[in-house]
Amino acid sequence: MNKTTFSLLFLLFSPLILMGFHIIFVRLNKKFFKLKISNQNTVIFCELILNIPIIFIFYLLNKSFSAVTYAFFVYNSLGYAYFHFFNMSETARRIKILLEIRKNKILKIENLTNDYQSDFMIKTRLQRLIELKNILLKAKFYFLQLS
């Protein structure tokens, strides 16, 4: 296999490398690092960190600035697609409901009202907005956090 073919295959499989790194990082973060960042920010962090080895490997294989530039744009485009794929699976309630129906073969409305209580959903969304530094909680009041 020549360098060009290997380079293109390496880029093709880079989303799988990103997914593996993301899974490992999430596990390590829960156990050791304990960083308080949202799941979406974790994906972005993993994608940005993986730029370093991906670009370095591509440079070692090709020794060409244009090839490295190509790898940068292709990897980050695929990483962007992975982010949105992950984000949809992370935030869409309908997907969770469909998976629950698939798992249990049937789902009653009572199960949904137990799992999706409006006060819990609002608290969860507010907590996510705080973690993303979009809002700020002061003395039981929420404020927009201006950058």
Protein backbone atom coordinates (compact mmCIF):
# COMPACT_ATOMS: atom_id res chain seq x y z
CA MET A 1 0.00 0.00 0.00
CA ASN A 2 1.50 3.35 -0.98
CA LYS A 3 1.60 6.46 1.22
CA THR A 4 -1.24 8.23 -0.58
CA THR A 5 -3.63 5.31 -0.22
CA PHE A 6 -2.73 4.86 3.44
CA SER A 7 -3.16 8.61 4.05
CA LEU A 8 -6.61 8.65 2.49
CA LEU A 9 -7.70 5.55 4.40
CA PHE A 10 -6.34 7.10 7.59
CA LEU A 11 -8.50 10.18 6.97
CA LEU A 12 -11.48 8.04 6.07
CA PHE A 13 -11.28 6.25 9.41
CA SER A 14 -10.46 9.36 11.45
CA PRO A 15 -14.05 9.67 12.75
CA LEU A 16 -13.67 6.19 14.25
CA ILE A 17 -10.40 7.28 15.84
CA LEU A 18 -12.19 10.37 17.18
CA MET A 19 -15.05 8.26 18.53
CA GLY A 20 -12.62 5.89 20.27
CA PHE A 21 -10.68 8.78 21.78
CA HIS A 22 -13.93 10.43 22.85
CA ILE A 23 -15.13 7.25 24.60
CA ILE A 24 -11.79 6.83 26.40
CA PHE A 25 -11.68 10.50 27.41
CA VAL A 26 -15.23 10.42 28.82
CA ARG A 27 -14.38 7.36 30.92
CA LEU A 28 -11.13 8.92 32.17
CA ASN A 29 -12.88 12.21 32.89
CA LYS A 30 -15.53 10.51 35.02
CA LYS A 31 -12.96 8.50 36.95
CA PHE A 32 -9.87 10.73 37.22
CA PHE A 33 -10.05 14.22 35.72
CA LYS A 34 -13.58 15.14 36.88
CA LEU A 35 -13.72 18.19 34.59
CA LYS A 36 -17.09 19.90 34.67
CA ILE A 37 -17.69 20.34 30.96
CA SER A 38 -20.75 19.46 28.94
CA ASN A 39 -20.83 16.40 26.73
CA GLN A 40 -20.87 18.61 23.63
CA ASN A 41 -17.80 20.53 24.79
CA THR A 42 -16.09 17.20 25.47
CA VAL A 43 -16.55 16.21 21.82
CA ILE A 44 -15.17 19.57 20.64
CA PHE A 45 -12.19 19.22 23.00
CA CYS A 46 -11.44 15.70 21.75
CA GLU A 47 -11.66 16.80 18.12
CA LEU A 48 -9.31 19.73 18.69
CA ILE A 49 -6.78 17.63 20.63
CA LEU A 50 -6.73 14.94 17.94
CA ASN A 51 -5.74 17.57 15.35
CA ILE A 52 -2.19 17.37 16.69
CA PRO A 53 -1.48 13.66 16.08
CA ILE A 54 -3.56 13.50 12.88
CA ILE A 55 -1.71 16.43 11.30
CA PHE A 56 1.65 15.18 12.58
CA ILE A 57 1.10 11.68 11.14
CA PHE A 58 -0.05 13.18 7.86
CA TYR A 59 3.05 15.35 7.72
CA LEU A 60 5.34 12.38 8.42
CA LEU A 61 3.70 10.40 5.62
CA ASN A 62 3.57 13.10 2.94
CA LYS A 63 6.07 15.86 3.80
CA SER A 64 3.81 18.26 1.92
CA PHE A 65 2.13 21.42 3.16
CA SER A 66 -0.77 20.99 0.74
CA ALA A 67 -1.37 17.41 1.98
CA VAL A 68 -1.32 18.60 5.60
CA THR A 69 -3.75 21.41 4.75
CA TYR A 70 -6.00 18.91 3.00
CA ALA A 71 -5.86 16.59 6.02
CA PHE A 72 -6.66 19.48 8.37
CA PHE A 73 -9.79 20.46 6.44
CA VAL A 74 -10.99 16.91 5.82
CA TYR A 75 -10.42 15.76 9.42
CA ASN A 76 -12.13 18.81 10.90
CA SER A 77 -15.04 18.49 8.46
CA LEU A 78 -15.51 14.85 9.45
CA GLY A 79 -15.13 15.85 13.11
CA TYR A 80 -17.81 18.50 12.64
CA ALA A 81 -20.13 15.84 11.20
CA TYR A 82 -19.32 13.53 14.17
CA PHE A 83 -20.10 16.38 16.59
CA HIS A 84 -23.55 16.86 15.09
CA PHE A 85 -24.21 13.13 14.97
CA PHE A 86 -23.26 12.89 18.66
CA ASN A 87 -25.20 16.04 19.54
CA MET A 88 -28.38 14.70 17.94
CA SER A 89 -28.10 11.44 19.85
CA GLU A 90 -27.30 13.30 23.06
CA THR A 91 -30.14 15.81 23.05
CA ALA A 92 -33.06 14.32 21.13
CA ARG A 93 -35.75 12.98 23.44
CA ARG A 94 -37.57 11.30 20.58
CA ILE A 95 -34.56 9.05 19.95
CA LYS A 96 -34.52 8.04 23.61
CA ILE A 97 -38.26 7.35 23.49
CA LEU A 98 -37.85 5.23 20.35
CA LEU A 99 -35.00 3.28 21.94
CA GLU A 100 -37.11 2.72 25.07
CA ILE A 101 -39.99 1.41 22.95
CA ARG A 102 -37.59 -0.84 21.03
CA LYS A 103 -36.09 -2.17 24.27
CA ASN A 104 -39.40 -2.82 26.05
CA LYS A 105 -41.47 -3.53 22.89
CA ILE A 106 -44.21 -1.23 24.27
CA LEU A 107 -44.36 2.01 26.20
CA LYS A 108 -47.22 3.51 28.18
CA ILE A 109 -47.78 7.23 28.55
CA GLU A 110 -47.33 6.85 32.32
CA ASN A 111 -43.72 5.77 31.74
CA LEU A 112 -43.07 8.94 29.78
CA THR A 113 -44.62 11.24 32.35
CA ASN A 114 -42.48 9.59 35.04
CA ASP A 115 -39.30 10.05 33.00
CA TYR A 116 -40.10 13.45 31.50
CA GLN A 117 -41.45 15.61 34.27
CA SER A 118 -41.46 19.25 33.20
CA ASP A 119 -39.69 20.60 36.31
CA PHE A 120 -36.89 18.05 35.91
CA MET A 121 -36.47 18.90 32.21
CA ILE A 122 -36.30 22.62 32.97
CA LYS A 123 -33.76 22.09 35.77
CA THR A 124 -31.67 19.89 33.48
CA ARG A 125 -31.71 22.46 30.68
CA LEU A 126 -30.84 25.28 33.08
CA GLN A 127 -27.93 23.22 34.44
CA ARG A 128 -26.65 22.64 30.90
CA LEU A 129 -26.87 26.37 30.14
CA ILE A 130 -24.89 27.09 33.33
CA GLU A 131 -22.24 24.49 32.40
CA LEU A 132 -21.98 25.98 28.91
CA LYS A 133 -21.57 29.41 30.54
CA ASN A 134 -24.60 30.82 28.69
CA ILE A 135 -26.38 31.80 31.89
CA LEU A 136 -25.36 32.58 35.46
CA LEU A 137 -27.21 31.76 38.70
CA LYS A 138 -27.01 34.41 41.41
CA ALA A 139 -29.24 34.47 44.49
CA LYS A 140 -31.80 32.13 42.90
CA PHE A 141 -32.06 34.30 39.75
CA TYR A 142 -30.77 33.46 36.29
CA PHE A 143 -28.89 36.01 34.20
CA LEU A 144 -27.43 35.94 30.72
CA GLN A 145 -23.69 35.58 30.95
CA LEU A 146 -22.14 38.08 28.58
CA SER A 147 -18.82 37.17 27.05
